[in-house]
């Protein structure tokens, strides 16, 4: 067993999983959600944001979650997550300001929106995973500087992303 497995098991046993919020509901986002919704000890997908609430809900349904609560406000988002439920929203900035979200995954493909989301996440001390290749390839190094100053991690994913050979 590697160290990360041990740490995730400890979080699982302590009922304190890493809470992940996903922005986007396209093909890549749905595959990420599927992986996170298959029980990974110590990690929990708590919310999905998309311009289309129908698509956000479908992302959860494809992972076996039949219902998700629509969160139009910070209070509803946090209450839903705190009760162990799943939330959907069309307002991804709620994730940046939520004490109930540890990591935000940007799987949108939109540079301007992604940059604004990333800066807001970093300012609120959220770790950020970029599946948004367009954002990563244009502003990734700048975001890294800001993340380092804030003491958070900004990273990309392996695969067809810019950093992959």
N, C-alpha and C. Protein backbone atom coordinates (compact mmCIF):
# COMPACT_ATOMS: atom_id res chain seq x y z
N UNK A 1 0.84 -1.17 0.00
CA UNK A 1 0.00 0.00 0.00
C UNK A 1 0.89 1.24 0.00
N UNK A 2 0.51 2.23 -0.80
CA UNK A 2 1.30 3.45 -0.86
C UNK A 2 0.72 4.49 0.09
N UNK A 3 1.50 5.53 0.37
CA UNK A 3 1.12 6.52 1.38
C UNK A 3 -0.23 7.16 1.09
N UNK A 4 -0.51 7.45 -0.17
CA UNK A 4 -1.78 8.11 -0.49
C UNK A 4 -2.96 7.20 -0.14
N UNK A 5 -2.83 5.91 -0.35
CA UNK A 5 -3.89 4.97 0.02
C UNK A 5 -4.15 5.00 1.52
N UNK A 6 -3.09 5.04 2.30
CA UNK A 6 -3.21 5.09 3.74
C UNK A 6 -3.92 6.37 4.18
N UNK A 7 -3.52 7.49 3.60
CA UNK A 7 -4.15 8.77 3.94
C UNK A 7 -5.62 8.80 3.55
N UNK A 8 -5.95 8.25 2.39
CA UNK A 8 -7.35 8.21 1.97
C UNK A 8 -8.17 7.30 2.88
N UNK A 9 -7.60 6.18 3.30
CA UNK A 9 -8.31 5.30 4.23
C UNK A 9 -8.56 6.00 5.56
N UNK A 10 -7.58 6.77 6.02
CA UNK A 10 -7.74 7.51 7.27
C UNK A 10 -8.88 8.53 7.14
N UNK A 11 -8.93 9.22 6.02
CA UNK A 11 -10.01 10.19 5.81
C UNK A 11 -11.36 9.48 5.74
N UNK A 12 -11.38 8.31 5.11
CA UNK A 12 -12.61 7.53 5.01
C UNK A 12 -13.09 7.10 6.40
N UNK A 13 -12.17 6.53 7.18
CA UNK A 13 -12.52 6.08 8.53
C UNK A 13 -12.95 7.24 9.41
N UNK A 14 -12.37 8.42 9.20
CA UNK A 14 -12.73 9.58 9.98
C UNK A 14 -13.95 10.33 9.45
N UNK A 15 -14.59 9.74 8.43
CA UNK A 15 -15.76 10.36 7.80
C UNK A 15 -15.46 11.80 7.38
N UNK A 16 -14.27 11.98 6.80
CA UNK A 16 -13.81 13.29 6.35
C UNK A 16 -13.19 13.15 4.95
N UNK A 17 -13.99 12.76 3.97
CA UNK A 17 -13.42 12.56 2.64
C UNK A 17 -13.00 13.89 2.01
N UNK A 18 -12.10 13.80 1.05
CA UNK A 18 -11.77 14.96 0.22
C UNK A 18 -13.01 15.23 -0.62
N UNK A 19 -13.51 16.45 -0.53
CA UNK A 19 -14.76 16.79 -1.24
C UNK A 19 -14.41 17.49 -2.55
N UNK A 20 -14.86 16.89 -3.64
CA UNK A 20 -14.53 17.35 -4.98
C UNK A 20 -15.77 17.93 -5.65
N UNK A 21 -15.61 19.08 -6.29
CA UNK A 21 -16.67 19.69 -7.09
C UNK A 21 -16.18 19.73 -8.53
N UNK A 22 -17.05 19.36 -9.44
CA UNK A 22 -16.72 19.26 -10.86
C UNK A 22 -17.45 20.34 -11.64
N UNK A 23 -16.72 21.05 -12.47
CA UNK A 23 -17.31 22.09 -13.31
C UNK A 23 -17.27 21.61 -14.75
N UNK A 24 -18.44 21.48 -15.34
CA UNK A 24 -18.58 20.96 -16.70
C UNK A 24 -19.30 19.63 -16.66
N UNK A 25 -20.00 19.32 -17.75
CA UNK A 25 -20.73 18.05 -17.81
C UNK A 25 -20.61 17.44 -19.20
N UNK A 26 -19.52 17.72 -19.87
CA UNK A 26 -19.27 17.12 -21.17
C UNK A 26 -18.70 15.72 -21.01
N UNK A 27 -18.22 15.16 -22.10
CA UNK A 27 -17.74 13.77 -22.10
C UNK A 27 -16.61 13.55 -21.09
N UNK A 28 -15.62 14.42 -21.07
CA UNK A 28 -14.51 14.25 -20.12
C UNK A 28 -15.00 14.36 -18.68
N UNK A 29 -15.84 15.34 -18.43
CA UNK A 29 -16.37 15.53 -17.07
C UNK A 29 -17.17 14.32 -16.62
N UNK A 30 -17.98 13.76 -17.51
CA UNK A 30 -18.80 12.61 -17.14
C UNK A 30 -17.93 11.40 -16.83
N UNK A 31 -16.84 11.22 -17.54
CA UNK A 31 -15.93 10.10 -17.25
C UNK A 31 -15.23 10.30 -15.91
N UNK A 32 -14.84 11.53 -15.62
CA UNK A 32 -14.22 11.82 -14.32
C UNK A 32 -15.23 11.55 -13.20
N UNK A 33 -16.46 12.00 -13.39
CA UNK A 33 -17.51 11.77 -12.39
C UNK A 33 -17.72 10.28 -12.17
N UNK A 34 -17.75 9.53 -13.24
CA UNK A 34 -17.94 8.08 -13.12
C UNK A 34 -16.85 7.45 -12.26
N UNK A 35 -15.61 7.87 -12.48
CA UNK A 35 -14.50 7.34 -11.67
C UNK A 35 -14.63 7.75 -10.21
N UNK A 36 -15.08 8.97 -9.97
CA UNK A 36 -15.21 9.43 -8.58
C UNK A 36 -16.42 8.85 -7.88
N UNK A 37 -17.45 8.49 -8.64
CA UNK A 37 -18.66 7.95 -8.03
C UNK A 37 -18.58 6.46 -7.76
N UNK A 38 -17.63 5.78 -8.39
CA UNK A 38 -17.33 4.40 -8.01
C UNK A 38 -16.59 4.54 -6.69
N UNK A 39 -17.06 3.91 -5.65
CA UNK A 39 -16.52 4.24 -4.33
C UNK A 39 -15.00 4.25 -4.25
N UNK A 40 -14.48 5.44 -4.08
CA UNK A 40 -13.06 5.66 -3.81
C UNK A 40 -12.99 6.08 -2.36
N UNK A 41 -12.41 5.24 -1.54
CA UNK A 41 -12.34 5.58 -0.12
C UNK A 41 -11.59 6.89 0.07
N UNK A 42 -12.20 7.79 0.82
CA UNK A 42 -11.54 9.03 1.16
C UNK A 42 -11.76 10.17 0.18
N UNK A 43 -12.51 9.93 -0.91
CA UNK A 43 -12.79 10.97 -1.90
C UNK A 43 -14.27 10.91 -2.22
N UNK A 44 -14.90 12.09 -2.33
CA UNK A 44 -16.33 12.13 -2.62
C UNK A 44 -16.64 13.25 -3.60
N UNK A 45 -17.29 12.92 -4.70
CA UNK A 45 -17.79 13.94 -5.62
C UNK A 45 -19.06 14.50 -4.99
N UNK A 46 -19.03 15.79 -4.65
CA UNK A 46 -20.15 16.37 -3.91
C UNK A 46 -21.05 17.24 -4.77
N UNK A 47 -20.52 17.75 -5.90
CA UNK A 47 -21.32 18.68 -6.69
C UNK A 47 -20.81 18.74 -8.13
N UNK A 48 -21.74 19.06 -9.03
CA UNK A 48 -21.43 19.28 -10.43
C UNK A 48 -22.09 20.58 -10.85
N UNK A 49 -21.33 21.43 -11.52
CA UNK A 49 -21.87 22.67 -12.08
C UNK A 49 -21.80 22.61 -13.59
N UNK A 50 -22.85 23.08 -14.22
CA UNK A 50 -22.88 23.18 -15.67
C UNK A 50 -23.90 24.24 -16.05
N UNK A 51 -23.75 24.79 -17.25
CA UNK A 51 -24.75 25.76 -17.73
C UNK A 51 -26.13 25.13 -17.79
N UNK A 52 -26.15 23.81 -18.02
CA UNK A 52 -27.40 23.07 -18.10
C UNK A 52 -27.54 22.18 -16.87
N UNK A 53 -28.55 22.46 -16.05
CA UNK A 53 -28.78 21.62 -14.87
C UNK A 53 -29.14 20.20 -15.27
N UNK A 54 -29.79 20.04 -16.41
CA UNK A 54 -30.13 18.70 -16.92
C UNK A 54 -28.84 17.91 -17.15
N UNK A 55 -27.84 18.53 -17.76
CA UNK A 55 -26.57 17.85 -18.00
C UNK A 55 -25.83 17.55 -16.70
N UNK A 56 -25.89 18.48 -15.76
CA UNK A 56 -25.25 18.25 -14.46
C UNK A 56 -25.88 17.05 -13.76
N UNK A 57 -27.21 16.99 -13.78
CA UNK A 57 -27.90 15.86 -13.17
C UNK A 57 -27.58 14.57 -13.89
N UNK A 58 -27.51 14.60 -15.21
CA UNK A 58 -27.18 13.41 -15.99
C UNK A 58 -25.79 12.88 -15.63
N UNK A 59 -24.88 13.79 -15.34
CA UNK A 59 -23.53 13.38 -14.93
C UNK A 59 -23.58 12.52 -13.68
N UNK A 60 -24.39 12.91 -12.72
CA UNK A 60 -24.56 12.09 -11.51
C UNK A 60 -25.29 10.79 -11.83
N UNK A 61 -26.34 10.87 -12.62
CA UNK A 61 -27.12 9.67 -12.93
C UNK A 61 -26.28 8.61 -13.62
N UNK A 62 -25.41 9.01 -14.52
CA UNK A 62 -24.55 8.04 -15.20
C UNK A 62 -23.61 7.34 -14.23
N UNK A 63 -23.36 7.97 -13.08
CA UNK A 63 -22.52 7.37 -12.05
C UNK A 63 -23.31 6.62 -10.99
N UNK A 64 -24.62 6.49 -11.21
CA UNK A 64 -25.44 5.71 -10.29
C UNK A 64 -26.13 6.51 -9.20
N UNK A 65 -26.03 7.85 -9.25
CA UNK A 65 -26.71 8.69 -8.27
C UNK A 65 -28.02 9.13 -8.89
N UNK A 66 -29.12 8.71 -8.30
CA UNK A 66 -30.43 8.97 -8.91
C UNK A 66 -30.96 10.37 -8.67
N UNK A 67 -30.53 11.02 -7.60
CA UNK A 67 -31.07 12.34 -7.28
C UNK A 67 -29.95 13.26 -6.82
N UNK A 68 -30.09 14.51 -7.19
CA UNK A 68 -29.17 15.55 -6.73
C UNK A 68 -30.00 16.79 -6.46
N UNK A 69 -29.58 17.54 -5.48
CA UNK A 69 -30.32 18.72 -5.06
C UNK A 69 -29.82 19.94 -5.83
N UNK A 70 -30.75 20.72 -6.39
CA UNK A 70 -30.37 21.96 -7.08
C UNK A 70 -29.95 22.99 -6.04
N UNK A 71 -28.75 23.53 -6.21
CA UNK A 71 -28.20 24.49 -5.26
C UNK A 71 -28.01 25.84 -5.96
N UNK A 72 -28.94 26.72 -5.72
CA UNK A 72 -28.85 28.06 -6.31
C UNK A 72 -28.13 29.03 -5.39
N UNK A 73 -27.96 28.65 -4.12
CA UNK A 73 -27.30 29.52 -3.16
C UNK A 73 -26.21 28.76 -2.41
N UNK A 74 -25.34 29.53 -1.78
CA UNK A 74 -24.27 28.95 -0.97
C UNK A 74 -24.84 28.10 0.15
N UNK A 75 -25.88 28.58 0.80
CA UNK A 75 -26.48 27.85 1.91
C UNK A 75 -27.04 26.51 1.49
N UNK A 76 -27.73 26.46 0.37
CA UNK A 76 -28.30 25.19 -0.11
C UNK A 76 -27.17 24.23 -0.49
N UNK A 77 -26.13 24.75 -1.17
CA UNK A 77 -24.99 23.90 -1.54
C UNK A 77 -24.37 23.27 -0.30
N UNK A 78 -24.06 24.09 0.68
CA UNK A 78 -23.38 23.58 1.86
C UNK A 78 -24.26 22.66 2.68
N UNK A 79 -25.53 22.96 2.78
CA UNK A 79 -26.46 22.09 3.50
C UNK A 79 -26.57 20.73 2.81
N UNK A 80 -26.65 20.74 1.50
CA UNK A 80 -26.75 19.49 0.74
C UNK A 80 -25.52 18.62 0.97
N UNK A 81 -24.34 19.22 0.85
CA UNK A 81 -23.09 18.48 1.02
C UNK A 81 -22.97 17.99 2.46
N UNK A 82 -23.28 18.85 3.41
CA UNK A 82 -23.19 18.50 4.83
C UNK A 82 -24.09 17.32 5.19
N UNK A 83 -25.23 17.20 4.53
CA UNK A 83 -26.16 16.09 4.79
C UNK A 83 -25.76 14.84 4.01
N UNK A 84 -24.68 14.90 3.24
CA UNK A 84 -24.22 13.74 2.48
C UNK A 84 -24.84 13.62 1.11
N UNK A 85 -25.56 14.64 0.67
CA UNK A 85 -26.19 14.62 -0.64
C UNK A 85 -25.27 15.13 -1.73
N UNK A 86 -25.78 15.08 -2.94
CA UNK A 86 -25.08 15.59 -4.11
C UNK A 86 -25.81 16.82 -4.62
N UNK A 87 -25.05 17.82 -5.06
CA UNK A 87 -25.64 19.07 -5.51
C UNK A 87 -25.33 19.32 -6.98
N UNK A 88 -26.28 19.97 -7.65
CA UNK A 88 -26.05 20.46 -9.01
C UNK A 88 -26.35 21.96 -8.99
N UNK A 89 -25.65 22.69 -9.84
CA UNK A 89 -25.85 24.13 -9.93
C UNK A 89 -25.39 24.63 -11.28
N UNK A 90 -25.88 25.80 -11.66
CA UNK A 90 -25.38 26.45 -12.85
C UNK A 90 -24.44 27.60 -12.46
N UNK A 91 -24.08 27.67 -11.19
CA UNK A 91 -23.21 28.72 -10.66
C UNK A 91 -21.97 28.11 -10.03
N UNK A 92 -20.95 27.87 -10.82
CA UNK A 92 -19.73 27.21 -10.35
C UNK A 92 -18.97 28.03 -9.32
N UNK A 93 -19.18 29.34 -9.29
CA UNK A 93 -18.46 30.16 -8.32
C UNK A 93 -18.86 29.83 -6.88
N UNK A 94 -20.04 29.20 -6.71
CA UNK A 94 -20.42 28.76 -5.36
C UNK A 94 -19.36 27.82 -4.79
N UNK A 95 -18.75 27.00 -5.64
CA UNK A 95 -17.74 26.04 -5.18
C UNK A 95 -16.53 26.76 -4.60
N UNK A 96 -16.16 27.87 -5.23
CA UNK A 96 -14.96 28.60 -4.81
C UNK A 96 -15.08 29.13 -3.40
N UNK A 97 -16.28 29.46 -2.99
CA UNK A 97 -16.49 30.10 -1.70
C UNK A 97 -17.02 29.14 -0.64
N UNK A 98 -17.15 27.88 -0.98
CA UNK A 98 -17.74 26.92 -0.06
C UNK A 98 -16.68 26.27 0.83
N UNK A 99 -16.96 26.29 2.12
CA UNK A 99 -16.10 25.59 3.08
C UNK A 99 -16.22 24.07 2.92
N UNK A 100 -17.23 23.62 2.19
CA UNK A 100 -17.49 22.19 2.02
C UNK A 100 -16.81 21.60 0.79
N UNK A 101 -16.04 22.39 0.04
CA UNK A 101 -15.36 21.92 -1.17
C UNK A 101 -13.86 22.05 -0.97
N UNK A 102 -13.13 20.96 -1.22
CA UNK A 102 -11.68 20.97 -1.09
C UNK A 102 -10.97 21.16 -2.43
N UNK A 103 -11.49 20.50 -3.46
CA UNK A 103 -10.86 20.51 -4.78
C UNK A 103 -11.91 20.82 -5.83
N UNK A 104 -11.54 21.67 -6.78
CA UNK A 104 -12.41 21.98 -7.92
C UNK A 104 -11.73 21.45 -9.17
N UNK A 105 -12.49 20.72 -9.97
CA UNK A 105 -12.00 20.23 -11.26
C UNK A 105 -12.69 21.05 -12.35
N UNK A 106 -11.88 21.72 -13.19
CA UNK A 106 -12.42 22.48 -14.32
C UNK A 106 -12.30 21.64 -15.58
N UNK A 107 -13.45 21.18 -16.06
CA UNK A 107 -13.50 20.37 -17.28
C UNK A 107 -14.36 21.06 -18.33
N UNK A 108 -14.22 22.41 -18.43
CA UNK A 108 -15.10 23.16 -19.31
C UNK A 108 -14.57 23.39 -20.71
N UNK A 109 -13.30 23.68 -20.87
CA UNK A 109 -12.77 24.02 -22.18
C UNK A 109 -12.93 25.49 -22.52
N UNK A 110 -13.39 26.30 -21.58
CA UNK A 110 -13.60 27.74 -21.82
C UNK A 110 -12.49 28.52 -21.12
N UNK A 111 -11.70 29.28 -21.91
CA UNK A 111 -10.54 29.96 -21.34
C UNK A 111 -10.94 31.10 -20.41
N UNK A 112 -11.76 32.03 -20.86
CA UNK A 112 -12.10 33.18 -20.02
C UNK A 112 -12.84 32.75 -18.76
N UNK A 113 -13.87 31.92 -18.93
CA UNK A 113 -14.61 31.43 -17.77
C UNK A 113 -13.67 30.66 -16.84
N UNK A 114 -12.85 29.78 -17.41
CA UNK A 114 -11.94 28.97 -16.62
C UNK A 114 -10.93 29.82 -15.86
N UNK A 115 -10.43 30.89 -16.48
CA UNK A 115 -9.47 31.76 -15.82
C UNK A 115 -10.12 32.47 -14.63
N UNK A 116 -11.34 32.95 -14.83
CA UNK A 116 -12.05 33.62 -13.73
C UNK A 116 -12.34 32.64 -12.59
N UNK A 117 -12.77 31.43 -12.96
CA UNK A 117 -13.04 30.40 -11.96
C UNK A 117 -11.76 30.04 -11.21
N UNK A 118 -10.67 29.85 -11.95
CA UNK A 118 -9.40 29.47 -11.33
C UNK A 118 -8.91 30.53 -10.36
N UNK A 119 -8.96 31.79 -10.77
CA UNK A 119 -8.48 32.85 -9.88
C UNK A 119 -9.35 32.95 -8.63
N UNK A 120 -10.64 32.80 -8.79
CA UNK A 120 -11.53 32.85 -7.62
C UNK A 120 -11.27 31.65 -6.71
N UNK A 121 -11.06 30.48 -7.30
CA UNK A 121 -10.75 29.29 -6.50
C UNK A 121 -9.44 29.49 -5.73
N UNK A 122 -8.42 29.96 -6.41
CA UNK A 122 -7.12 30.18 -5.77
C UNK A 122 -7.24 31.22 -4.65
N UNK A 123 -7.95 32.32 -4.91
CA UNK A 123 -8.13 33.35 -3.89
C UNK A 123 -8.84 32.80 -2.65
N UNK A 124 -9.65 31.77 -2.84
CA UNK A 124 -10.38 31.15 -1.73
C UNK A 124 -9.70 29.88 -1.23
N UNK A 125 -8.45 29.70 -1.61
CA UNK A 125 -7.61 28.59 -1.13
C UNK A 125 -8.17 27.22 -1.47
N UNK A 126 -8.64 27.08 -2.70
CA UNK A 126 -9.12 25.79 -3.20
C UNK A 126 -8.06 25.21 -4.13
N UNK A 127 -7.84 23.92 -4.01
CA UNK A 127 -6.97 23.23 -4.95
C UNK A 127 -7.73 23.08 -6.26
N UNK A 128 -6.99 23.06 -7.36
CA UNK A 128 -7.61 23.10 -8.68
C UNK A 128 -6.97 22.09 -9.61
N UNK A 129 -7.82 21.30 -10.27
CA UNK A 129 -7.35 20.36 -11.29
C UNK A 129 -7.89 20.86 -12.63
N UNK A 130 -6.99 21.07 -13.58
CA UNK A 130 -7.39 21.55 -14.89
C UNK A 130 -7.49 20.41 -15.88
N UNK A 131 -8.69 20.16 -16.34
CA UNK A 131 -8.92 19.29 -17.48
C UNK A 131 -9.20 20.19 -18.68
N UNK A 132 -9.25 21.46 -18.40
CA UNK A 132 -9.46 22.52 -19.38
C UNK A 132 -8.13 22.78 -20.08
N UNK A 133 -7.86 22.03 -21.14
CA UNK A 133 -6.56 22.12 -21.83
C UNK A 133 -6.31 23.50 -22.41
N UNK A 134 -7.37 24.13 -22.86
CA UNK A 134 -7.21 25.47 -23.44
C UNK A 134 -6.70 26.45 -22.39
N UNK A 135 -7.26 26.39 -21.20
CA UNK A 135 -6.82 27.26 -20.11
C UNK A 135 -5.41 26.90 -19.68
N UNK A 136 -5.15 25.63 -19.51
CA UNK A 136 -3.84 25.18 -19.05
C UNK A 136 -2.73 25.59 -20.02
N UNK A 137 -2.99 25.44 -21.31
CA UNK A 137 -1.94 25.75 -22.28
C UNK A 137 -1.74 27.25 -22.47
N UNK A 138 -2.73 28.07 -22.15
CA UNK A 138 -2.56 29.51 -22.31
C UNK A 138 -2.15 30.21 -21.02
N UNK A 139 -2.72 29.82 -19.90
CA UNK A 139 -2.48 30.54 -18.66
C UNK A 139 -1.98 29.67 -17.51
N UNK A 140 -1.75 28.39 -17.77
CA UNK A 140 -1.32 27.47 -16.72
C UNK A 140 -0.16 27.96 -15.87
N UNK A 141 0.95 28.42 -16.49
CA UNK A 141 2.08 28.89 -15.68
C UNK A 141 1.74 30.10 -14.80
N UNK A 142 0.90 30.98 -15.31
CA UNK A 142 0.50 32.15 -14.51
C UNK A 142 -0.35 31.70 -13.33
N UNK A 143 -1.28 30.77 -13.57
CA UNK A 143 -2.10 30.25 -12.49
C UNK A 143 -1.24 29.57 -11.44
N UNK A 144 -0.21 28.88 -11.87
CA UNK A 144 0.70 28.20 -10.93
C UNK A 144 1.36 29.20 -10.00
N UNK A 145 1.80 30.33 -10.52
CA UNK A 145 2.42 31.37 -9.70
C UNK A 145 1.43 31.85 -8.63
N UNK A 146 0.21 32.12 -9.03
CA UNK A 146 -0.80 32.57 -8.08
C UNK A 146 -1.13 31.48 -7.05
N UNK A 147 -1.21 30.24 -7.51
CA UNK A 147 -1.50 29.13 -6.60
C UNK A 147 -0.38 28.95 -5.57
N UNK A 148 0.84 29.03 -6.03
CA UNK A 148 1.97 28.90 -5.10
C UNK A 148 1.92 29.98 -4.02
N UNK A 149 1.60 31.21 -4.42
CA UNK A 149 1.50 32.30 -3.46
C UNK A 149 0.38 32.07 -2.45
N UNK A 150 -0.71 31.42 -2.90
CA UNK A 150 -1.85 31.16 -2.02
C UNK A 150 -1.69 29.87 -1.23
N UNK A 151 -0.67 29.09 -1.54
CA UNK A 151 -0.43 27.84 -0.81
C UNK A 151 -1.35 26.71 -1.23
N UNK A 152 -1.82 26.74 -2.48
CA UNK A 152 -2.67 25.67 -3.00
C UNK A 152 -2.03 25.06 -4.24
N UNK A 153 -2.59 23.95 -4.65
CA UNK A 153 -2.07 23.25 -5.82
C UNK A 153 -2.96 23.51 -7.02
N UNK A 154 -2.34 23.79 -8.14
CA UNK A 154 -3.02 23.79 -9.43
C UNK A 154 -2.27 22.79 -10.29
N UNK A 155 -3.00 21.86 -10.87
CA UNK A 155 -2.36 20.81 -11.65
C UNK A 155 -3.24 20.46 -12.83
N UNK A 156 -2.67 19.72 -13.77
CA UNK A 156 -3.48 19.25 -14.89
C UNK A 156 -3.59 17.74 -14.80
N UNK A 157 -4.20 17.15 -15.80
CA UNK A 157 -4.39 15.70 -15.82
C UNK A 157 -3.52 15.09 -16.90
N UNK A 158 -3.26 13.80 -16.78
CA UNK A 158 -2.54 13.08 -17.83
C UNK A 158 -3.49 12.72 -18.95
N UNK A 159 -2.93 12.39 -20.08
CA UNK A 159 -3.76 11.98 -21.21
C UNK A 159 -3.47 12.86 -22.39
N UNK A 160 -4.52 13.46 -22.95
CA UNK A 160 -4.31 14.29 -24.12
C UNK A 160 -4.10 15.76 -23.75
N UNK A 161 -3.70 16.00 -22.53
CA UNK A 161 -3.50 17.37 -22.07
C UNK A 161 -2.14 17.88 -22.55
N UNK A 162 -1.89 19.20 -22.47
CA UNK A 162 -0.66 19.79 -23.02
C UNK A 162 0.63 19.21 -22.47
N UNK A 163 0.66 18.79 -21.21
CA UNK A 163 1.89 18.29 -20.63
C UNK A 163 2.21 16.83 -20.93
N UNK A 164 1.36 16.17 -21.67
CA UNK A 164 1.53 14.74 -21.94
C UNK A 164 2.31 14.56 -23.24
N UNK A 165 3.39 13.72 -23.23
CA UNK A 165 4.20 13.56 -24.45
C UNK A 165 3.43 12.93 -25.60
